[in-house]
Amino acid sequence: MILAQLEHQLGSMMWPLLTCSFLTGVILLDRLFRLLQAGRLGQHHLAAQLLPGHSNTLNSVSASQLDTMQQSLQQRRSLLLQGVALLLTHRNENKALREEIAAIWLQSKRRQLSSGLKLLNLIAAISPLLGLLGTILGLIQMFQDIGASNSPVTPALLADGLGVAMYTTAAGLFIALPALVGAQLFSLWIDRLINGAEHGMNQYNLWLEGIPLCEDFTS
C-alpha cells in the first residue's frame, strides 16, 4: 500500500530516491553511534582512569601498573584512551618515534571515523538532481496526458504529472538536506575528537618522559 502510494507520487524516481534515503539514514545512524563511542570519555577524566591516587608523575607508577593500564585501556572504545594505550605500548621507544607512531595512528583513526561521509556528500549532491529529473519526467507525463485528451484542459488532467514533478523535487531536497548537514557536522565532530585525542596524547607522551601532567589532566 505504501509502496504503491510512493510509486504514484514519485513515479520512476521512487527507487533511486528510496535508495538514497535508506543509505543516508544508515550512514547517519552508524556515524552517530561510532562517534559517541569514540568520544565517550573526555580528557579531563583520563588521569583518574590512568593514575590511581591522582599521581601525576611517572616515577610514582610501577612497570607492572603501566602494563595493567595499557591492557585495560586497549579494551576501551574511547579514542583518547586507545591513543594513550598505544603510547604505553611503545613507552620504551624514544619520544620522537612515539610521536611518529601516534601521528600515523591518528590519521588511520580519522579515516575510519570519516568512513561514509564522502558518500553522504555524494548523496547530497545527486538527490536534488534526481528530484529535478523527476520534475522533468512529471512535466513530460503532464504534456502527454494533455496531448492524449480531446477534452478541455482541467486541473484533474494535470494533477498526475504535476504531482510527480512536485513530489520528486521535494523528496530530493528532503534527502539532500540531512545528508549535507550530517556530513558537515560529523566532519567538525571528527576534527574535534582527533584534536582532543592529539592534545591528550601529547600530554601523556611528555608524562612518559618524566614531565608531570598539567592541571587540566589531573583535576
N, C-alpha and C. Protein backbone atom coordinates (compact mmCIF):
# COMPACT_ATOMS: atom_id res chain seq x y z
N MET A 1 0.84 -1.21 0.00
CA MET A 1 0.00 0.00 0.00
C MET A 1 0.87 1.26 0.00
N ILE A 2 1.85 1.28 0.91
CA ILE A 2 2.73 2.45 0.99
C ILE A 2 3.58 2.57 -0.26
N LEU A 3 4.13 1.42 -0.72
CA LEU A 3 4.95 1.44 -1.93
C LEU A 3 4.14 1.88 -3.15
N ALA A 4 2.90 1.42 -3.22
CA ALA A 4 2.04 1.82 -4.34
C ALA A 4 1.78 3.32 -4.31
N GLN A 5 1.58 3.86 -3.12
CA GLN A 5 1.34 5.30 -2.99
C GLN A 5 2.60 6.09 -3.36
N LEU A 6 3.77 5.60 -2.90
CA LEU A 6 5.02 6.27 -3.24
C LEU A 6 5.29 6.22 -4.74
N GLU A 7 4.97 5.08 -5.35
CA GLU A 7 5.18 4.96 -6.79
C GLU A 7 4.27 5.91 -7.56
N HIS A 8 3.07 6.10 -7.05
CA HIS A 8 2.14 7.05 -7.69
C HIS A 8 2.65 8.48 -7.54
N GLN A 9 3.26 8.79 -6.38
CA GLN A 9 3.72 10.15 -6.12
C GLN A 9 5.07 10.45 -6.78
N LEU A 10 5.97 9.47 -6.79
CA LEU A 10 7.34 9.71 -7.26
C LEU A 10 7.63 9.14 -8.64
N GLY A 11 6.75 8.31 -9.14
CA GLY A 11 6.93 7.76 -10.47
C GLY A 11 8.18 6.89 -10.57
N SER A 12 8.90 6.99 -11.68
CA SER A 12 10.07 6.15 -11.91
C SER A 12 11.26 6.53 -11.03
N MET A 13 11.18 7.66 -10.34
CA MET A 13 12.26 8.09 -9.44
C MET A 13 12.11 7.52 -8.03
N MET A 14 11.10 6.66 -7.82
CA MET A 14 10.85 6.16 -6.48
C MET A 14 12.05 5.38 -5.94
N TRP A 15 12.52 4.39 -6.68
CA TRP A 15 13.59 3.53 -6.17
C TRP A 15 14.92 4.26 -6.01
N PRO A 16 15.35 5.09 -6.97
CA PRO A 16 16.59 5.85 -6.73
C PRO A 16 16.50 6.75 -5.49
N LEU A 17 15.35 7.41 -5.30
CA LEU A 17 15.20 8.28 -4.14
C LEU A 17 15.11 7.48 -2.83
N LEU A 18 14.43 6.35 -2.86
CA LEU A 18 14.36 5.50 -1.68
C LEU A 18 15.73 4.94 -1.32
N THR A 19 16.52 4.58 -2.33
CA THR A 19 17.87 4.08 -2.08
C THR A 19 18.73 5.15 -1.42
N CYS A 20 18.67 6.37 -1.94
CA CYS A 20 19.42 7.47 -1.34
C CYS A 20 18.95 7.74 0.09
N SER A 21 17.64 7.68 0.30
CA SER A 21 17.11 7.92 1.64
C SER A 21 17.57 6.85 2.62
N PHE A 22 17.55 5.59 2.19
CA PHE A 22 17.97 4.49 3.05
C PHE A 22 19.45 4.60 3.40
N LEU A 23 20.29 4.86 2.39
CA LEU A 23 21.73 4.98 2.64
C LEU A 23 22.03 6.15 3.58
N THR A 24 21.33 7.26 3.38
CA THR A 24 21.54 8.42 4.25
C THR A 24 21.22 8.08 5.70
N GLY A 25 20.09 7.43 5.92
CA GLY A 25 19.71 7.06 7.29
C GLY A 25 20.69 6.10 7.93
N VAL A 26 21.14 5.10 7.18
CA VAL A 26 22.08 4.10 7.72
C VAL A 26 23.41 4.76 8.08
N ILE A 27 23.93 5.60 7.19
CA ILE A 27 25.23 6.23 7.44
C ILE A 27 25.14 7.19 8.62
N LEU A 28 24.08 7.98 8.69
CA LEU A 28 23.94 8.93 9.79
C LEU A 28 23.88 8.22 11.14
N LEU A 29 23.10 7.15 11.22
CA LEU A 29 22.98 6.41 12.49
C LEU A 29 24.30 5.72 12.84
N ASP A 30 24.95 5.15 11.84
CA ASP A 30 26.21 4.45 12.10
C ASP A 30 27.30 5.40 12.58
N ARG A 31 27.42 6.55 11.90
CA ARG A 31 28.46 7.52 12.31
C ARG A 31 28.14 8.10 13.69
N LEU A 32 26.86 8.35 13.96
CA LEU A 32 26.48 8.88 15.27
C LEU A 32 26.87 7.92 16.38
N PHE A 33 26.57 6.65 16.18
CA PHE A 33 26.90 5.63 17.19
C PHE A 33 28.41 5.53 17.40
N ARG A 34 29.17 5.50 16.32
CA ARG A 34 30.62 5.32 16.44
C ARG A 34 31.31 6.56 17.02
N LEU A 35 30.83 7.73 16.68
CA LEU A 35 31.44 8.95 17.23
C LEU A 35 31.10 9.13 18.70
N LEU A 36 29.90 8.73 19.09
CA LEU A 36 29.56 8.77 20.51
C LEU A 36 30.47 7.84 21.31
N GLN A 37 30.77 6.68 20.75
CA GLN A 37 31.67 5.75 21.42
C GLN A 37 33.09 6.30 21.47
N ALA A 38 33.54 6.88 20.37
CA ALA A 38 34.92 7.37 20.31
C ALA A 38 35.15 8.53 21.26
N GLY A 39 34.12 9.32 21.52
CA GLY A 39 34.28 10.48 22.40
C GLY A 39 33.62 10.31 23.74
N ARG A 40 33.40 9.06 24.14
CA ARG A 40 32.62 8.80 25.35
C ARG A 40 33.30 9.29 26.62
N LEU A 41 34.63 9.28 26.64
CA LEU A 41 35.36 9.69 27.85
C LEU A 41 36.20 10.90 27.52
N GLY A 42 36.01 12.02 28.21
CA GLY A 42 36.76 13.24 27.96
C GLY A 42 38.15 13.19 28.56
N GLN A 43 39.03 14.06 28.07
CA GLN A 43 40.41 14.04 28.53
C GLN A 43 40.53 14.45 29.99
N HIS A 44 39.58 15.24 30.52
CA HIS A 44 39.68 15.66 31.91
C HIS A 44 39.39 14.53 32.88
N HIS A 45 38.85 13.39 32.38
CA HIS A 45 38.64 12.22 33.23
C HIS A 45 39.77 11.20 33.11
N LEU A 46 40.68 11.42 32.19
CA LEU A 46 41.64 10.38 31.86
C LEU A 46 42.61 10.10 33.00
N ALA A 47 43.07 11.14 33.69
CA ALA A 47 44.04 10.93 34.76
C ALA A 47 43.47 10.04 35.85
N ALA A 48 42.19 10.20 36.16
CA ALA A 48 41.57 9.38 37.20
C ALA A 48 41.52 7.92 36.79
N GLN A 49 41.37 7.68 35.47
CA GLN A 49 41.33 6.30 34.98
C GLN A 49 42.74 5.70 34.96
N LEU A 50 43.72 6.51 34.62
CA LEU A 50 45.09 6.01 34.46
C LEU A 50 45.85 5.97 35.77
N LEU A 51 45.67 6.98 36.60
CA LEU A 51 46.56 7.18 37.74
C LEU A 51 45.81 7.11 39.06
N PRO A 52 45.69 5.94 39.62
CA PRO A 52 45.02 5.85 40.93
C PRO A 52 45.75 6.70 41.95
N GLY A 53 44.98 7.36 42.80
CA GLY A 53 45.60 8.23 43.79
C GLY A 53 46.00 9.57 43.25
N HIS A 54 45.66 9.87 41.98
CA HIS A 54 45.93 11.16 41.36
C HIS A 54 47.44 11.46 41.30
N SER A 55 48.25 10.41 41.13
CA SER A 55 49.68 10.64 40.94
C SER A 55 49.89 11.22 39.55
N ASN A 56 50.71 12.24 39.46
CA ASN A 56 50.88 12.87 38.15
C ASN A 56 52.33 12.81 37.67
N THR A 57 53.12 11.91 38.23
CA THR A 57 54.48 11.72 37.75
C THR A 57 54.70 10.26 37.43
N LEU A 58 55.56 10.00 36.44
CA LEU A 58 55.84 8.64 36.01
C LEU A 58 56.52 7.83 37.10
N ASN A 59 57.35 8.47 37.91
CA ASN A 59 58.10 7.76 38.95
C ASN A 59 57.20 7.12 39.99
N SER A 60 55.97 7.63 40.11
CA SER A 60 55.05 7.11 41.13
C SER A 60 54.29 5.87 40.63
N VAL A 61 54.53 5.45 39.40
CA VAL A 61 53.82 4.31 38.81
C VAL A 61 54.83 3.23 38.44
N SER A 62 54.57 2.01 38.85
CA SER A 62 55.49 0.91 38.56
C SER A 62 55.27 0.37 37.16
N ALA A 63 56.23 -0.43 36.68
CA ALA A 63 56.14 -1.02 35.35
C ALA A 63 54.94 -1.96 35.24
N SER A 64 54.68 -2.72 36.30
CA SER A 64 53.53 -3.63 36.27
C SER A 64 52.22 -2.86 36.21
N GLN A 65 52.17 -1.71 36.89
CA GLN A 65 50.96 -0.88 36.82
C GLN A 65 50.77 -0.33 35.41
N LEU A 66 51.86 0.06 34.76
CA LEU A 66 51.77 0.55 33.39
C LEU A 66 51.28 -0.55 32.44
N ASP A 67 51.75 -1.77 32.65
CA ASP A 67 51.29 -2.88 31.82
C ASP A 67 49.79 -3.12 32.02
N THR A 68 49.36 -3.06 33.26
CA THR A 68 47.93 -3.25 33.57
C THR A 68 47.09 -2.15 32.94
N MET A 69 47.57 -0.91 33.05
CA MET A 69 46.86 0.23 32.44
C MET A 69 46.75 0.06 30.93
N GLN A 70 47.86 -0.32 30.33
CA GLN A 70 47.89 -0.47 28.87
C GLN A 70 46.89 -1.53 28.40
N GLN A 71 46.85 -2.68 29.09
CA GLN A 71 45.93 -3.74 28.72
C GLN A 71 44.48 -3.33 28.94
N SER A 72 44.23 -2.59 30.01
CA SER A 72 42.87 -2.14 30.30
C SER A 72 42.39 -1.11 29.27
N LEU A 73 43.26 -0.18 28.93
CA LEU A 73 42.86 0.89 28.01
C LEU A 73 42.65 0.37 26.59
N GLN A 74 43.36 -0.67 26.21
CA GLN A 74 43.19 -1.23 24.87
C GLN A 74 41.79 -1.76 24.63
N GLN A 75 41.10 -2.12 25.70
CA GLN A 75 39.75 -2.68 25.58
C GLN A 75 38.68 -1.60 25.48
N ARG A 76 39.06 -0.34 25.71
CA ARG A 76 38.09 0.75 25.70
C ARG A 76 37.87 1.25 24.28
N ARG A 77 36.72 1.83 24.05
CA ARG A 77 36.38 2.35 22.73
C ARG A 77 36.69 3.84 22.57
N SER A 78 36.97 4.49 23.68
CA SER A 78 37.29 5.91 23.61
C SER A 78 38.56 6.14 22.80
N LEU A 79 38.51 7.11 21.90
CA LEU A 79 39.67 7.40 21.04
C LEU A 79 40.87 7.82 21.88
N LEU A 80 40.65 8.65 22.86
CA LEU A 80 41.74 9.14 23.70
C LEU A 80 42.37 8.02 24.50
N LEU A 81 41.55 7.16 25.10
CA LEU A 81 42.08 6.06 25.89
C LEU A 81 42.86 5.07 25.03
N GLN A 82 42.37 4.80 23.83
CA GLN A 82 43.10 3.93 22.92
C GLN A 82 44.44 4.55 22.52
N GLY A 83 44.44 5.87 22.34
CA GLY A 83 45.68 6.55 21.98
C GLY A 83 46.72 6.49 23.09
N VAL A 84 46.27 6.67 24.32
CA VAL A 84 47.19 6.58 25.45
C VAL A 84 47.69 5.15 25.61
N ALA A 85 46.81 4.17 25.36
CA ALA A 85 47.24 2.77 25.40
C ALA A 85 48.34 2.51 24.37
N LEU A 86 48.22 3.13 23.20
CA LEU A 86 49.25 3.00 22.18
C LEU A 86 50.58 3.56 22.67
N LEU A 87 50.54 4.71 23.32
CA LEU A 87 51.77 5.30 23.86
C LEU A 87 52.39 4.41 24.93
N LEU A 88 51.55 3.83 25.78
CA LEU A 88 52.06 2.94 26.82
C LEU A 88 52.69 1.68 26.21
N THR A 89 52.11 1.21 25.10
CA THR A 89 52.68 0.05 24.42
C THR A 89 54.10 0.33 23.93
N HIS A 90 54.32 1.57 23.48
CA HIS A 90 55.62 1.96 22.92
C HIS A 90 56.39 2.87 23.88
N ARG A 91 56.14 2.72 25.16
CA ARG A 91 56.76 3.63 26.12
C ARG A 91 58.28 3.50 26.19
N ASN A 92 58.82 2.37 25.75
CA ASN A 92 60.27 2.18 25.79
C ASN A 92 60.98 2.78 24.58
N GLU A 93 60.20 3.26 23.61
CA GLU A 93 60.79 3.93 22.44
C GLU A 93 61.08 5.38 22.82
N ASN A 94 61.88 6.04 21.97
CA ASN A 94 62.18 7.44 22.25
C ASN A 94 60.97 8.32 21.90
N LYS A 95 60.97 9.53 22.42
CA LYS A 95 59.82 10.43 22.28
C LYS A 95 59.49 10.72 20.82
N ALA A 96 60.48 10.96 19.99
CA ALA A 96 60.23 11.30 18.59
C ALA A 96 59.56 10.14 17.85
N LEU A 97 60.00 8.93 18.15
CA LEU A 97 59.40 7.77 17.49
C LEU A 97 57.96 7.58 17.94
N ARG A 98 57.70 7.78 19.23
CA ARG A 98 56.31 7.69 19.71
C ARG A 98 55.42 8.72 19.04
N GLU A 99 55.96 9.91 18.80
CA GLU A 99 55.17 10.95 18.12
C GLU A 99 54.83 10.52 16.69
N GLU A 100 55.77 9.91 15.99
CA GLU A 100 55.51 9.43 14.63
C GLU A 100 54.45 8.33 14.64
N ILE A 101 54.59 7.40 15.59
CA ILE A 101 53.61 6.32 15.70
C ILE A 101 52.22 6.89 15.99
N ALA A 102 52.15 7.85 16.90
CA ALA A 102 50.86 8.46 17.26
C ALA A 102 50.25 9.19 16.07
N ALA A 103 51.08 9.90 15.29
CA ALA A 103 50.57 10.65 14.14
C ALA A 103 49.98 9.70 13.10
N ILE A 104 50.66 8.60 12.83
CA ILE A 104 50.15 7.62 11.87
C ILE A 104 48.85 7.00 12.38
N TRP A 105 48.81 6.70 13.66
CA TRP A 105 47.61 6.10 14.25
C TRP A 105 46.42 7.06 14.18
N LEU A 106 46.66 8.32 14.46
CA LEU A 106 45.58 9.31 14.40
C LEU A 106 45.05 9.48 12.98
N GLN A 107 45.94 9.44 11.99
CA GLN A 107 45.50 9.52 10.60
C GLN A 107 44.62 8.33 10.24
N SER A 108 45.03 7.14 10.72
CA SER A 108 44.23 5.94 10.47
C SER A 108 42.86 6.05 11.12
N LYS A 109 42.81 6.56 12.36
CA LYS A 109 41.53 6.72 13.05
C LYS A 109 40.65 7.76 12.38
N ARG A 110 41.25 8.82 11.85
CA ARG A 110 40.47 9.83 11.13
C ARG A 110 39.79 9.21 9.91
N ARG A 111 40.53 8.38 9.18
CA ARG A 111 39.94 7.72 8.01
C ARG A 111 38.80 6.79 8.43
N GLN A 112 38.99 6.07 9.53
CA GLN A 112 37.94 5.17 9.99
C GLN A 112 36.69 5.94 10.40
N LEU A 113 36.88 7.00 11.16
CA LEU A 113 35.74 7.78 11.64
C LEU A 113 35.03 8.51 10.50
N SER A 114 35.77 8.85 9.44
CA SER A 114 35.21 9.60 8.32
C SER A 114 34.58 8.68 7.28
N SER A 115 34.61 7.38 7.52
CA SER A 115 34.04 6.43 6.57
C SER A 115 32.56 6.73 6.32
N GLY A 116 32.20 6.84 5.06
CA GLY A 116 30.81 7.09 4.70
C GLY A 116 30.47 8.55 4.48
N LEU A 117 31.33 9.46 4.94
CA LEU A 117 31.00 10.89 4.79
C LEU A 117 31.09 11.35 3.34
N LYS A 118 32.02 10.78 2.59
CA LYS A 118 32.08 11.13 1.16
C LYS A 118 30.83 10.67 0.43
N LEU A 119 30.34 9.49 0.82
CA LEU A 119 29.09 9.02 0.21
C LEU A 119 27.93 9.92 0.58
N LEU A 120 27.91 10.41 1.83
CA LEU A 120 26.87 11.35 2.24
C LEU A 120 26.91 12.62 1.40
N ASN A 121 28.12 13.14 1.17
CA ASN A 121 28.25 14.34 0.32
C ASN A 121 27.80 14.05 -1.11
N LEU A 122 28.09 12.84 -1.60
CA LEU A 122 27.64 12.47 -2.95
C LEU A 122 26.12 12.41 -3.01
N ILE A 123 25.50 11.80 -2.00
CA ILE A 123 24.04 11.73 -1.96
C ILE A 123 23.43 13.13 -1.90
N ALA A 124 24.08 14.01 -1.11
CA ALA A 124 23.58 15.38 -1.00
C ALA A 124 23.64 16.09 -2.35
N ALA A 125 24.59 15.70 -3.18
CA ALA A 125 24.73 16.34 -4.50
C ALA A 125 23.77 15.77 -5.53
N ILE A 126 23.57 14.43 -5.51
CA ILE A 126 22.76 13.82 -6.58
C ILE A 126 21.27 13.77 -6.26
N SER A 127 20.89 13.83 -4.98
CA SER A 127 19.47 13.75 -4.65
C SER A 127 18.65 14.88 -5.27
N PRO A 128 19.11 16.15 -5.18
CA PRO A 128 18.34 17.21 -5.86
C PRO A 128 18.29 17.02 -7.37
N LEU A 129 19.36 16.45 -7.94
CA LEU A 129 19.36 16.19 -9.39
C LEU A 129 18.36 15.11 -9.74
N LEU A 130 18.26 14.08 -8.89
CA LEU A 130 17.22 13.07 -9.12
C LEU A 130 15.84 13.70 -9.00
N GLY A 131 15.67 14.61 -8.03
CA GLY A 131 14.41 15.32 -7.90
C GLY A 131 14.10 16.16 -9.13
N LEU A 132 15.13 16.82 -9.67
CA LEU A 132 14.96 17.63 -10.88
C LEU A 132 14.59 16.76 -12.08
N LEU A 133 15.26 15.59 -12.17
CA LEU A 133 14.92 14.66 -13.25
C LEU A 133 13.47 14.20 -13.11
N GLY A 134 13.05 13.93 -11.87
CA GLY A 134 11.65 13.57 -11.65
C GLY A 134 10.70 14.68 -12.03
N THR A 135 11.11 15.92 -11.79
CA THR A 135 10.29 17.07 -12.19
C THR A 135 10.09 17.10 -13.70
N ILE A 136 11.18 16.89 -14.43
CA ILE A 136 11.11 16.90 -15.89
C ILE A 136 10.23 15.76 -16.40
N LEU A 137 10.43 14.56 -15.81
CA LEU A 137 9.61 13.43 -16.23
C LEU A 137 8.13 13.66 -15.91
N GLY A 138 7.87 14.30 -14.76
CA GLY A 138 6.48 14.61 -14.42
C GLY A 138 5.85 15.59 -15.40
N LEU A 139 6.62 16.59 -15.82
CA LEU A 139 6.10 17.56 -16.80
C LEU A 139 5.87 16.89 -18.15
N ILE A 140 6.78 15.98 -18.52
CA ILE A 140 6.58 15.24 -19.78
C ILE A 140 5.29 14.44 -19.71
N GLN A 141 5.09 13.77 -18.57
CA GLN A 141 3.86 13.00 -18.39
C GLN A 141 2.63 13.90 -18.48
N MET A 142 2.72 15.08 -17.90
CA MET A 142 1.59 16.00 -17.92
C MET A 142 1.24 16.42 -19.36
N PHE A 143 2.28 16.74 -20.15
CA PHE A 143 2.01 17.15 -21.53
C PHE A 143 1.51 15.98 -22.37
N GLN A 144 2.00 14.78 -22.05
CA GLN A 144 1.48 13.61 -22.76
C GLN A 144 0.00 13.40 -22.45
N ASP A 145 -0.38 13.60 -21.18
CA ASP A 145 -1.79 13.47 -20.81
C ASP A 145 -2.64 14.51 -21.53
N ILE A 146 -2.09 15.72 -21.64
CA ILE A 146 -2.82 16.78 -22.34
C ILE A 146 -2.99 16.42 -23.81
N GLY A 147 -1.89 15.92 -24.42
CA GLY A 147 -1.94 15.59 -25.85
C GLY A 147 -2.86 14.42 -26.15
N ALA A 148 -3.00 13.50 -25.21
CA ALA A 148 -3.84 12.32 -25.45
C ALA A 148 -5.31 12.59 -25.16
N SER A 149 -5.62 13.76 -24.62
CA SER A 149 -7.01 14.07 -24.25
C SER A 149 -7.65 14.99 -25.29
N ASN A 150 -8.88 14.69 -25.61
CA ASN A 150 -9.64 15.54 -26.54
C ASN A 150 -10.52 16.52 -25.80
N SER A 151 -10.59 16.37 -24.49
CA SER A 151 -11.45 17.24 -23.68
C SER A 151 -10.68 18.48 -23.26
N PRO A 152 -11.36 19.51 -22.80
CA PRO A 152 -10.67 20.72 -22.34
C PRO A 152 -9.72 20.40 -21.18
N VAL A 153 -8.66 21.20 -21.07
CA VAL A 153 -7.66 21.00 -20.02
C VAL A 153 -8.27 21.39 -18.67
N THR A 154 -8.23 20.46 -17.77
CA THR A 154 -8.75 20.68 -16.42
C THR A 154 -7.66 20.38 -15.39
N PRO A 155 -7.79 20.87 -14.17
CA PRO A 155 -6.81 20.54 -13.12
C PRO A 155 -6.63 19.05 -12.91
N ALA A 156 -7.70 18.27 -13.05
CA ALA A 156 -7.60 16.82 -12.86
C ALA A 156 -6.70 16.20 -13.92
N LEU A 157 -6.70 16.77 -15.10
CA LEU A 157 -5.86 16.25 -16.18
C LEU A 157 -4.39 16.53 -15.92
N LEU A 158 -4.12 17.61 -15.24
CA LEU A 158 -2.73 17.99 -14.96
C LEU A 158 -2.20 17.39 -13.67
N ALA A 159 -3.09 16.86 -12.85
CA ALA A 159 -2.72 16.51 -11.47
C ALA A 159 -1.63 15.46 -11.39
N ASP A 160 -1.74 14.37 -12.16
CA ASP A 160 -0.78 13.27 -12.03
C ASP A 160 0.64 13.71 -12.39
N GLY A 161 0.80 14.29 -13.55
CA GLY A 161 2.13 14.70 -14.00
C GLY A 161 2.72 15.79 -13.12
N LEU A 162 1.88 16.78 -12.79
CA LEU A 162 2.37 17.88 -11.97
C LEU A 162 2.66 17.41 -10.54
N GLY A 163 1.87 16.45 -10.07
CA GLY A 163 2.11 15.90 -8.74
C GLY A 163 3.45 15.18 -8.65
N VAL A 164 3.77 14.37 -9.68
CA VAL A 164 5.07 13.69 -9.72
C VAL A 164 6.19 14.72 -9.74
N ALA A 165 6.02 15.78 -10.52
CA ALA A 165 7.05 16.82 -10.61
C ALA A 165 7.33 17.46 -9.26
N MET A 166 6.28 17.78 -8.53
CA MET A 166 6.45 18.45 -7.24
C MET A 166 6.97 17.49 -6.16
N TYR A 167 6.42 16.29 -6.11
CA TYR A 167 6.82 15.32 -5.08
C TYR A 167 8.30 14.93 -5.22
N THR A 168 8.75 14.71 -6.44
CA THR A 168 10.15 14.31 -6.62
C THR A 168 11.10 15.45 -6.26
N THR A 169 10.72 16.67 -6.58
CA THR A 169 11.56 17.81 -6.19
C THR A 169 11.67 17.91 -4.68
N ALA A 170 10.54 17.80 -4.00
CA ALA A 170 10.54 17.88 -2.54
C ALA A 170 11.31 16.72 -1.93
N ALA A 171 11.14 15.51 -2.48
CA ALA A 171 11.84 14.34 -1.93
C ALA A 171 13.34 14.47 -2.09
N GLY A 172 13.79 14.96 -3.25
CA GLY A 172 15.22 15.14 -3.47
C GLY A 172 15.84 16.11 -2.48
N LEU A 173 15.15 17.22 -2.23
CA LEU A 173 15.66 18.20 -1.25
C LEU A 173 15.58 17.67 0.16
N PHE A 174 14.52 16.92 0.46
CA PHE A 174 14.34 16.36 1.80
C PHE A 174 15.46 15.38 2.14
N ILE A 175 15.96 14.66 1.13
CA ILE A 175 17.06 13.72 1.35
C ILE A 175 18.39 14.46 1.40
N ALA A 176 18.56 15.45 0.53
CA ALA A 176 19.85 16.14 0.42
C ALA A 176 20.19 16.95 1.66
N LEU A 177 19.19 17.59 2.27
CA LEU A 177 19.47 18.47 3.41
C LEU A 177 20.08 17.72 4.60
N PRO A 178 19.46 16.65 5.11
CA PRO A 178 20.10 15.94 6.22
C PRO A 178 21.43 15.31 5.85
N ALA A 179 21.57 14.86 4.58
CA ALA A 179 22.85 14.28 4.16
C ALA A 179 23.95 15.32 4.19
N LEU A 180 23.68 16.52 3.68
CA LEU A 180 24.68 17.57 3.65
C LEU A 180 25.01 18.07 5.05
N VAL A 181 23.96 18.36 5.83
CA VAL A 181 24.17 18.86 7.19
C VAL A 181 24.89 17.81 8.04
N GLY A 182 24.46 16.56 7.92
CA GLY A 182 25.09 15.49 8.68
C GLY A 182 26.56 15.33 8.35
N ALA A 183 26.90 15.36 7.06
CA ALA A 183 28.29 15.20 6.65
C ALA A 183 29.16 16.33 7.21
N GLN A 184 28.65 17.55 7.18
CA GLN A 184 29.43 18.69 7.67
C GLN A 184 29.57 18.65 9.20
N LEU A 185 28.49 18.34 9.90
CA LEU A 185 28.56 18.28 11.37
C LEU A 185 29.46 17.14 11.83
N PHE A 186 29.37 16.00 11.18
CA PHE A 186 30.23 14.89 11.56
C PHE A 186 31.69 15.20 11.29
N SER A 187 31.97 15.93 10.20
CA SER A 187 33.36 16.31 9.91
C SER A 187 33.91 17.21 11.02
N LEU A 188 33.09 18.16 11.48
CA LEU A 188 33.51 19.03 12.58
C LEU A 188 33.70 18.23 13.86
N TRP A 189 32.81 17.29 14.11
CA TRP A 189 32.90 16.45 15.29
C TRP A 189 34.18 15.61 15.27
N ILE A 190 34.49 15.04 14.11
CA ILE A 190 35.70 14.23 13.97
C ILE A 190 36.94 15.08 14.19
N ASP A 191 36.95 16.28 13.63
CA ASP A 191 38.09 17.17 13.86
C ASP A 191 38.29 17.44 15.34
N ARG A 192 37.18 17.67 16.04
CA ARG A 192 37.28 17.95 17.48
C ARG A 192 37.80 16.73 18.24
N LEU A 193 37.31 15.54 17.90
CA LEU A 193 37.77 14.31 18.56
C LEU A 193 39.26 14.07 18.31
N ILE A 194 39.67 14.23 17.07
CA ILE A 194 41.08 13.98 16.71
C ILE A 194 41.98 14.99 17.40
N ASN A 195 41.57 16.26 17.38
CA ASN A 195 42.38 17.30 18.04
C ASN A 195 42.47 17.07 19.54
N GLY A 196 41.34 16.68 20.15
CA GLY A 196 41.35 16.40 21.58
C GLY A 196 42.23 15.21 21.93
N ALA A 197 42.14 14.15 21.10
CA ALA A 197 42.99 12.98 21.33
C ALA A 197 44.46 13.32 21.13
N GLU A 198 44.75 14.12 20.12
CA GLU A 198 46.14 14.51 19.87
C GLU A 198 46.70 15.32 21.03
N HIS A 199 45.89 16.24 21.56
CA HIS A 199 46.33 17.05 22.69
C HIS A 199 46.59 16.17 23.92
N GLY A 200 45.66 15.27 24.21
CA GLY A 200 45.82 14.39 25.34
C GLY A 200 47.03 13.47 25.19
N MET A 201 47.23 12.94 23.99
CA MET A 201 48.36 12.04 23.75
C MET A 201 49.69 12.79 23.87
N ASN A 202 49.70 14.05 23.45
CA ASN A 202 50.93 14.85 23.62
C ASN A 202 51.26 15.02 25.10
N GLN A 203 50.22 15.25 25.91
CA GLN A 203 50.45 15.41 27.34
C GLN A 203 51.02 14.13 27.96
N TYR A 204 50.46 13.00 27.59
CA TYR A 204 50.93 11.74 28.17
C TYR A 204 52.24 11.28 27.54
N ASN A 205 52.53 11.73 26.36
CA ASN A 205 53.84 11.45 25.78
C ASN A 205 54.93 12.17 26.58
N LEU A 206 54.64 13.39 26.98
CA LEU A 206 55.57 14.12 27.85
C LEU A 206 55.64 13.48 29.24
N TRP A 207 54.48 12.97 29.70
CA TRP A 207 54.45 12.31 31.01
C TRP A 207 55.37 11.09 31.02
N LEU A 208 55.42 10.38 29.88
CA LEU A 208 56.31 9.22 29.78
C LEU A 208 57.79 9.62 29.79
N GLU A 209 58.03 10.91 29.54
CA GLU A 209 59.40 11.42 29.63
C GLU A 209 59.72 11.94 31.03
N GLY A 210 58.78 11.80 31.95
CA GLY A 210 59.02 12.21 33.33
C GLY A 210 58.50 13.58 33.68
N ILE A 211 57.79 14.22 32.73
CA ILE A 211 57.26 15.56 32.98
C ILE A 211 55.88 15.42 33.61
N PRO A 212 55.61 16.06 34.75
CA PRO A 212 54.30 15.94 35.41
C PRO A 212 53.17 16.43 34.50
N LEU A 213 52.00 15.84 34.68
CA LEU A 213 50.83 16.26 33.92
C LEU A 213 50.41 17.66 34.34
N CYS A 214 49.87 18.41 33.38
CA CYS A 214 49.36 19.74 33.70
C CYS A 214 48.07 19.61 34.51
N GLU A 215 47.63 20.71 35.09
CA GLU A 215 46.48 20.68 36.00
C GLU A 215 45.20 20.22 35.30
N ASP A 216 45.06 20.52 34.01
CA ASP A 216 43.85 20.14 33.29
C ASP A 216 43.67 18.63 33.25
N PHE A 217 44.76 17.88 33.37
CA PHE A 217 44.69 16.43 33.26
C PHE A 217 44.69 15.74 34.61
N THR A 218 44.86 16.49 35.67
CA THR A 218 44.87 15.87 37.00
C THR A 218 43.73 16.34 37.88
N SER A 219 42.99 17.34 37.41
CA SER A 219 41.86 17.86 38.20
C SER A 219 40.59 17.08 37.89
